[in-house]
Amino acid sequence: MAKVTGIGGIFFKSKNPEKIRDWYSEKLGLNTDKYGTNFEWRKSQNPDQKGFTVWGPFSDTTEYFKPSEKEYMINLRVDNLRELLDQLKDQDVEIVGEIDEYEYGLFAHIIDPEGTKIELWEPFDEEYDKIVEARVKS
């Protein structure tokens, strides 16, 4: 059974994303870029492999969270996106759009029962590691 394996990211709307990124950088020490930052960690089953959790403010006028009207969107890491989407279709979960494929992973969106858009990400962490600029290491 395909499943969620972790939190891939937290995204939220901001009146001034640049200012809020700068505030988090200055006050809390986050290493930010124009997208936010990435928390780098190691996989528990294979400590040689990295994983990432993204933190990113969006403009409060973004359409990316649609059809949800919420001020935030959660990204969940999954182990097999296509299989999980098939499972969710069978359970009458609302799926928004199609699978988007990038060199760093597969993405799809669903809507939860309260109307929140959830982004599902099957990451290709080795490729993602190559493009990440801002990161926070623990």
N, C-alpha and C. Protein backbone atom coordinates (compact mmCIF):
# COMPACT_ATOMS: atom_id res chain seq x y z
N MET A 1 0.83 -1.18 0.00
CA MET A 1 0.00 0.00 0.00
C MET A 1 0.88 1.25 0.00
N ALA A 2 0.64 2.14 -0.92
CA ALA A 2 1.36 3.41 -0.95
C ALA A 2 0.90 4.28 0.22
N LYS A 3 1.81 5.11 0.73
CA LYS A 3 1.48 5.88 1.93
C LYS A 3 2.32 7.15 2.02
N VAL A 4 1.92 8.01 2.95
CA VAL A 4 2.69 9.20 3.30
C VAL A 4 3.89 8.76 4.12
N THR A 5 5.05 9.37 3.85
CA THR A 5 6.27 9.03 4.59
C THR A 5 6.79 10.18 5.45
N GLY A 6 6.22 11.37 5.30
CA GLY A 6 6.68 12.51 6.09
C GLY A 6 6.11 13.81 5.58
N ILE A 7 6.50 14.88 6.23
CA ILE A 7 6.08 16.21 5.81
C ILE A 7 7.10 16.73 4.81
N GLY A 8 6.62 17.07 3.63
CA GLY A 8 7.49 17.59 2.58
C GLY A 8 7.63 19.09 2.64
N GLY A 9 6.62 19.78 3.17
CA GLY A 9 6.72 21.22 3.23
C GLY A 9 5.51 21.87 3.86
N ILE A 10 5.73 23.09 4.28
CA ILE A 10 4.68 23.96 4.82
C ILE A 10 4.72 25.24 3.99
N PHE A 11 3.59 25.56 3.40
CA PHE A 11 3.49 26.76 2.57
C PHE A 11 2.36 27.62 3.11
N PHE A 12 2.55 28.93 3.11
CA PHE A 12 1.53 29.82 3.64
C PHE A 12 1.54 31.13 2.87
N LYS A 13 0.38 31.81 2.92
CA LYS A 13 0.23 33.09 2.23
C LYS A 13 0.76 34.20 3.13
N SER A 14 1.36 35.19 2.49
CA SER A 14 1.94 36.33 3.20
C SER A 14 1.68 37.60 2.41
N LYS A 15 1.42 38.70 3.12
CA LYS A 15 1.23 39.99 2.45
C LYS A 15 2.51 40.45 1.77
N ASN A 16 3.66 40.05 2.35
CA ASN A 16 4.95 40.45 1.81
C ASN A 16 5.95 39.30 2.01
N PRO A 17 5.96 38.32 1.08
CA PRO A 17 6.83 37.16 1.26
C PRO A 17 8.30 37.50 1.44
N GLU A 18 8.80 38.50 0.72
CA GLU A 18 10.21 38.87 0.85
C GLU A 18 10.51 39.37 2.26
N LYS A 19 9.64 40.21 2.78
CA LYS A 19 9.84 40.75 4.13
C LYS A 19 9.75 39.64 5.18
N ILE A 20 8.81 38.72 5.03
CA ILE A 20 8.67 37.65 6.01
C ILE A 20 9.85 36.68 5.94
N ARG A 21 10.37 36.42 4.73
CA ARG A 21 11.57 35.57 4.60
C ARG A 21 12.75 36.25 5.30
N ASP A 22 12.89 37.57 5.09
CA ASP A 22 13.98 38.31 5.73
C ASP A 22 13.84 38.29 7.26
N TRP A 23 12.61 38.43 7.75
CA TRP A 23 12.39 38.41 9.20
C TRP A 23 12.82 37.07 9.78
N TYR A 24 12.39 35.98 9.16
CA TYR A 24 12.76 34.64 9.65
C TYR A 24 14.27 34.43 9.56
N SER A 25 14.89 35.00 8.55
CA SER A 25 16.34 34.89 8.41
C SER A 25 17.05 35.67 9.51
N GLU A 26 16.64 36.93 9.69
CA GLU A 26 17.30 37.81 10.66
C GLU A 26 17.02 37.40 12.10
N LYS A 27 15.78 37.08 12.41
CA LYS A 27 15.39 36.82 13.80
C LYS A 27 15.59 35.37 14.23
N LEU A 28 15.39 34.42 13.29
CA LEU A 28 15.44 33.01 13.66
C LEU A 28 16.59 32.25 13.00
N GLY A 29 17.37 32.94 12.18
CA GLY A 29 18.55 32.32 11.60
C GLY A 29 18.31 31.39 10.43
N LEU A 30 17.11 31.44 9.82
CA LEU A 30 16.88 30.59 8.65
C LEU A 30 17.70 31.09 7.46
N ASN A 31 18.35 30.18 6.78
CA ASN A 31 19.07 30.51 5.55
C ASN A 31 18.04 30.48 4.43
N THR A 32 17.59 31.66 3.97
CA THR A 32 16.50 31.73 3.01
C THR A 32 16.97 32.19 1.64
N ASP A 33 16.16 31.83 0.64
CA ASP A 33 16.33 32.36 -0.71
C ASP A 33 14.96 32.84 -1.17
N LYS A 34 14.77 33.07 -2.45
CA LYS A 34 13.50 33.63 -2.93
C LYS A 34 12.32 32.68 -2.74
N TYR A 35 12.56 31.41 -2.43
CA TYR A 35 11.48 30.44 -2.23
C TYR A 35 11.20 30.16 -0.76
N GLY A 36 12.12 30.45 0.11
CA GLY A 36 12.01 30.10 1.53
C GLY A 36 13.27 29.41 1.97
N THR A 37 13.13 28.21 2.51
CA THR A 37 14.30 27.41 2.87
C THR A 37 13.95 25.94 2.86
N ASN A 38 14.96 25.11 3.03
CA ASN A 38 14.81 23.66 3.08
C ASN A 38 15.50 23.15 4.33
N PHE A 39 14.78 22.33 5.08
CA PHE A 39 15.37 21.68 6.24
C PHE A 39 15.90 20.34 5.76
N GLU A 40 17.20 20.19 5.84
CA GLU A 40 17.86 18.97 5.38
C GLU A 40 17.98 18.00 6.54
N TRP A 41 17.69 16.74 6.27
CA TRP A 41 17.77 15.70 7.29
C TRP A 41 18.23 14.40 6.65
N ARG A 42 18.46 13.41 7.44
CA ARG A 42 18.90 12.10 6.96
C ARG A 42 17.78 11.08 7.14
N LYS A 43 17.68 10.16 6.22
CA LYS A 43 16.65 9.13 6.28
C LYS A 43 17.02 8.11 7.34
N SER A 44 16.05 7.76 8.19
CA SER A 44 16.34 6.87 9.31
C SER A 44 16.74 5.47 8.85
N GLN A 45 16.16 4.98 7.77
CA GLN A 45 16.49 3.64 7.27
C GLN A 45 17.78 3.61 6.46
N ASN A 46 18.23 4.79 6.01
CA ASN A 46 19.46 4.88 5.22
C ASN A 46 20.09 6.24 5.48
N PRO A 47 20.87 6.36 6.56
CA PRO A 47 21.43 7.65 6.96
C PRO A 47 22.36 8.31 5.93
N ASP A 48 22.78 7.56 4.91
CA ASP A 48 23.60 8.17 3.87
C ASP A 48 22.75 9.00 2.90
N GLN A 49 21.44 8.82 2.93
CA GLN A 49 20.55 9.55 2.02
C GLN A 49 19.92 10.74 2.73
N LYS A 50 19.89 11.87 2.00
CA LYS A 50 19.28 13.08 2.51
C LYS A 50 17.80 13.12 2.17
N GLY A 51 17.07 13.86 2.98
CA GLY A 51 15.69 14.21 2.71
C GLY A 51 15.52 15.69 3.00
N PHE A 52 14.40 16.26 2.55
CA PHE A 52 14.20 17.70 2.71
C PHE A 52 12.76 17.99 3.09
N THR A 53 12.58 19.01 3.92
CA THR A 53 11.27 19.57 4.24
C THR A 53 11.36 21.05 3.90
N VAL A 54 10.42 21.52 3.08
CA VAL A 54 10.45 22.89 2.56
C VAL A 54 9.58 23.80 3.42
N TRP A 55 10.05 25.03 3.64
CA TRP A 55 9.29 26.08 4.30
C TRP A 55 9.22 27.24 3.31
N GLY A 56 8.00 27.66 2.94
CA GLY A 56 7.93 28.69 1.93
C GLY A 56 6.72 29.60 2.01
N PRO A 57 6.95 30.92 2.12
CA PRO A 57 5.85 31.88 2.03
C PRO A 57 5.52 32.18 0.57
N PHE A 58 4.22 32.30 0.30
CA PHE A 58 3.72 32.68 -1.02
C PHE A 58 3.02 34.03 -0.90
N SER A 59 2.88 34.72 -1.98
CA SER A 59 2.11 35.96 -1.99
C SER A 59 0.67 35.65 -1.58
N ASP A 60 0.05 36.60 -0.88
CA ASP A 60 -1.34 36.38 -0.47
C ASP A 60 -2.31 36.40 -1.65
N THR A 61 -1.82 36.71 -2.84
CA THR A 61 -2.66 36.69 -4.04
C THR A 61 -2.42 35.44 -4.90
N THR A 62 -1.62 34.51 -4.38
CA THR A 62 -1.31 33.31 -5.16
C THR A 62 -2.58 32.53 -5.54
N GLU A 63 -2.54 31.97 -6.71
CA GLU A 63 -3.62 31.08 -7.16
C GLU A 63 -3.23 29.62 -6.94
N TYR A 64 -1.99 29.37 -6.50
CA TYR A 64 -1.47 28.02 -6.39
C TYR A 64 -2.25 27.16 -5.39
N PHE A 65 -2.84 27.78 -4.37
CA PHE A 65 -3.56 27.02 -3.36
C PHE A 65 -4.99 26.68 -3.80
N LYS A 66 -5.46 27.26 -4.90
CA LYS A 66 -6.83 27.05 -5.38
C LYS A 66 -7.04 25.58 -5.71
N PRO A 67 -8.20 25.01 -5.53
CA PRO A 67 -9.45 25.69 -5.21
C PRO A 67 -9.64 25.97 -3.72
N SER A 68 -8.68 25.61 -2.88
CA SER A 68 -8.78 25.88 -1.45
C SER A 68 -8.73 27.38 -1.19
N GLU A 69 -9.46 27.82 -0.21
CA GLU A 69 -9.44 29.23 0.22
C GLU A 69 -8.59 29.40 1.47
N LYS A 70 -7.93 28.34 1.92
CA LYS A 70 -7.12 28.39 3.14
C LYS A 70 -5.86 29.24 2.91
N GLU A 71 -5.29 29.68 4.00
CA GLU A 71 -4.09 30.51 3.98
C GLU A 71 -2.81 29.68 3.94
N TYR A 72 -2.95 28.37 3.94
CA TYR A 72 -1.79 27.49 3.99
C TYR A 72 -2.03 26.27 3.11
N MET A 73 -0.94 25.57 2.81
CA MET A 73 -1.02 24.30 2.11
C MET A 73 0.10 23.42 2.67
N ILE A 74 -0.22 22.18 2.93
CA ILE A 74 0.77 21.23 3.43
C ILE A 74 1.20 20.32 2.29
N ASN A 75 2.49 20.06 2.21
CA ASN A 75 3.05 19.13 1.24
C ASN A 75 3.45 17.89 2.01
N LEU A 76 2.96 16.74 1.56
CA LEU A 76 3.29 15.47 2.20
C LEU A 76 4.14 14.62 1.27
N ARG A 77 5.22 14.08 1.80
CA ARG A 77 6.07 13.17 1.04
C ARG A 77 5.38 11.81 0.97
N VAL A 78 5.41 11.18 -0.20
CA VAL A 78 4.78 9.87 -0.38
C VAL A 78 5.77 8.93 -1.05
N ASP A 79 5.54 7.63 -0.89
CA ASP A 79 6.48 6.65 -1.44
C ASP A 79 6.13 6.16 -2.83
N ASN A 80 4.88 6.32 -3.26
CA ASN A 80 4.49 5.87 -4.60
C ASN A 80 3.24 6.66 -5.00
N LEU A 81 3.45 7.79 -5.65
CA LEU A 81 2.36 8.72 -5.92
C LEU A 81 1.26 8.11 -6.79
N ARG A 82 1.64 7.45 -7.85
CA ARG A 82 0.62 6.89 -8.75
C ARG A 82 -0.27 5.86 -8.03
N GLU A 83 0.35 4.99 -7.28
CA GLU A 83 -0.42 3.98 -6.54
C GLU A 83 -1.31 4.64 -5.49
N LEU A 84 -0.77 5.64 -4.79
CA LEU A 84 -1.56 6.33 -3.78
C LEU A 84 -2.77 7.03 -4.41
N LEU A 85 -2.58 7.67 -5.56
CA LEU A 85 -3.70 8.32 -6.22
C LEU A 85 -4.77 7.32 -6.63
N ASP A 86 -4.36 6.16 -7.09
CA ASP A 86 -5.34 5.10 -7.42
C ASP A 86 -6.13 4.71 -6.17
N GLN A 87 -5.43 4.54 -5.04
CA GLN A 87 -6.10 4.19 -3.79
C GLN A 87 -7.10 5.29 -3.39
N LEU A 88 -6.67 6.55 -3.52
CA LEU A 88 -7.52 7.67 -3.12
C LEU A 88 -8.74 7.80 -4.03
N LYS A 89 -8.56 7.56 -5.33
CA LYS A 89 -9.71 7.58 -6.26
C LYS A 89 -10.73 6.55 -5.84
N ASP A 90 -10.27 5.36 -5.47
CA ASP A 90 -11.17 4.30 -5.04
C ASP A 90 -11.93 4.66 -3.76
N GLN A 91 -11.38 5.62 -3.01
CA GLN A 91 -12.01 6.05 -1.75
C GLN A 91 -12.75 7.38 -1.92
N ASP A 92 -12.96 7.78 -3.18
CA ASP A 92 -13.70 9.01 -3.51
C ASP A 92 -13.07 10.29 -2.97
N VAL A 93 -11.75 10.32 -2.86
CA VAL A 93 -11.05 11.54 -2.48
C VAL A 93 -10.93 12.42 -3.71
N GLU A 94 -11.20 13.74 -3.54
CA GLU A 94 -11.12 14.67 -4.67
C GLU A 94 -9.66 14.91 -5.06
N ILE A 95 -9.36 14.63 -6.31
CA ILE A 95 -8.03 14.86 -6.86
C ILE A 95 -8.11 16.06 -7.79
N VAL A 96 -7.17 16.99 -7.63
CA VAL A 96 -7.17 18.23 -8.40
C VAL A 96 -6.08 18.13 -9.47
N GLY A 97 -6.47 18.19 -10.73
CA GLY A 97 -5.49 18.20 -11.82
C GLY A 97 -4.84 16.85 -12.04
N GLU A 98 -3.71 16.89 -12.71
CA GLU A 98 -2.95 15.70 -13.09
C GLU A 98 -1.63 15.66 -12.32
N ILE A 99 -0.89 14.60 -12.50
CA ILE A 99 0.45 14.50 -11.92
C ILE A 99 1.39 15.43 -12.69
N ASP A 100 2.16 16.23 -11.95
CA ASP A 100 3.21 17.06 -12.54
C ASP A 100 4.54 16.38 -12.27
N GLU A 101 5.37 16.27 -13.30
CA GLU A 101 6.65 15.61 -13.16
C GLU A 101 7.79 16.60 -13.39
N TYR A 102 8.72 16.62 -12.46
CA TYR A 102 9.92 17.46 -12.55
C TYR A 102 11.13 16.57 -12.28
N GLU A 103 12.31 17.07 -12.54
CA GLU A 103 13.50 16.27 -12.31
C GLU A 103 13.68 15.92 -10.83
N TYR A 104 13.04 16.67 -9.93
CA TYR A 104 13.19 16.44 -8.49
C TYR A 104 11.97 15.76 -7.86
N GLY A 105 11.00 15.31 -8.69
CA GLY A 105 9.90 14.55 -8.12
C GLY A 105 8.59 14.68 -8.86
N LEU A 106 7.64 13.88 -8.40
CA LEU A 106 6.28 13.89 -8.93
C LEU A 106 5.38 14.59 -7.92
N PHE A 107 4.41 15.36 -8.44
CA PHE A 107 3.50 16.13 -7.59
C PHE A 107 2.06 15.93 -8.03
N ALA A 108 1.17 15.88 -7.07
CA ALA A 108 -0.27 15.86 -7.34
C ALA A 108 -0.96 16.55 -6.15
N HIS A 109 -2.22 16.88 -6.35
CA HIS A 109 -2.97 17.60 -5.31
C HIS A 109 -4.30 16.94 -5.05
N ILE A 110 -4.68 16.94 -3.78
CA ILE A 110 -5.98 16.44 -3.35
C ILE A 110 -6.63 17.50 -2.46
N ILE A 111 -7.92 17.32 -2.20
CA ILE A 111 -8.64 18.20 -1.29
C ILE A 111 -9.13 17.37 -0.11
N ASP A 112 -8.85 17.85 1.11
CA ASP A 112 -9.31 17.11 2.29
C ASP A 112 -10.78 17.46 2.57
N PRO A 113 -11.42 16.80 3.54
CA PRO A 113 -12.84 17.03 3.79
C PRO A 113 -13.21 18.46 4.18
N GLU A 114 -12.22 19.25 4.65
CA GLU A 114 -12.51 20.64 5.04
C GLU A 114 -12.11 21.63 3.95
N GLY A 115 -11.77 21.12 2.76
CA GLY A 115 -11.47 22.01 1.64
C GLY A 115 -10.04 22.47 1.55
N THR A 116 -9.14 21.87 2.31
CA THR A 116 -7.73 22.23 2.26
C THR A 116 -7.04 21.47 1.14
N LYS A 117 -6.31 22.20 0.31
CA LYS A 117 -5.53 21.57 -0.75
C LYS A 117 -4.27 20.97 -0.12
N ILE A 118 -4.02 19.71 -0.41
CA ILE A 118 -2.84 19.00 0.07
C ILE A 118 -2.00 18.63 -1.14
N GLU A 119 -0.72 18.99 -1.09
CA GLU A 119 0.19 18.63 -2.16
C GLU A 119 0.89 17.33 -1.79
N LEU A 120 0.86 16.36 -2.70
CA LEU A 120 1.54 15.09 -2.50
C LEU A 120 2.79 15.08 -3.36
N TRP A 121 3.92 14.72 -2.77
CA TRP A 121 5.22 14.80 -3.44
C TRP A 121 5.94 13.46 -3.31
N GLU A 122 6.21 12.84 -4.44
CA GLU A 122 7.11 11.68 -4.47
C GLU A 122 8.47 12.24 -4.84
N PRO A 123 9.33 12.50 -3.85
CA PRO A 123 10.58 13.19 -4.12
C PRO A 123 11.64 12.30 -4.75
N PHE A 124 12.45 12.94 -5.58
CA PHE A 124 13.69 12.34 -6.07
C PHE A 124 14.78 13.13 -5.36
N ASP A 125 15.09 12.75 -4.11
CA ASP A 125 15.93 13.56 -3.23
C ASP A 125 17.32 13.83 -3.78
N GLU A 126 17.91 12.88 -4.49
CA GLU A 126 19.26 13.12 -5.03
C GLU A 126 19.23 14.27 -6.04
N GLU A 127 18.19 14.33 -6.85
CA GLU A 127 18.06 15.41 -7.82
C GLU A 127 17.70 16.72 -7.13
N TYR A 128 16.82 16.65 -6.13
CA TYR A 128 16.43 17.85 -5.39
C TYR A 128 17.65 18.46 -4.69
N ASP A 129 18.51 17.63 -4.14
CA ASP A 129 19.72 18.09 -3.46
C ASP A 129 20.59 18.94 -4.39
N LYS A 130 20.58 18.64 -5.67
CA LYS A 130 21.41 19.37 -6.64
C LYS A 130 20.92 20.79 -6.88
N ILE A 131 19.62 21.06 -6.68
CA ILE A 131 19.08 22.38 -7.02
C ILE A 131 18.79 23.25 -5.79
N VAL A 132 18.83 22.65 -4.59
CA VAL A 132 18.53 23.41 -3.38
C VAL A 132 19.62 24.45 -3.15
N GLU A 133 19.18 25.71 -2.95
CA GLU A 133 20.13 26.77 -2.63
C GLU A 133 20.14 27.02 -1.12
N ALA A 134 19.01 27.44 -0.57
CA ALA A 134 18.93 27.74 0.87
C ALA A 134 18.55 26.48 1.63
N ARG A 135 19.29 26.19 2.67
CA ARG A 135 18.99 25.02 3.50
C ARG A 135 19.41 25.27 4.92
N VAL A 136 18.71 24.59 5.81
CA VAL A 136 19.02 24.60 7.23
C VAL A 136 19.42 23.18 7.60
N LYS A 137 20.61 23.04 8.14
CA LYS A 137 21.10 21.72 8.55
C LYS A 137 21.04 21.62 10.05
N SER A 138 20.60 20.47 10.55
CA SER A 138 20.54 20.29 12.01
C SER A 138 21.81 19.65 12.49
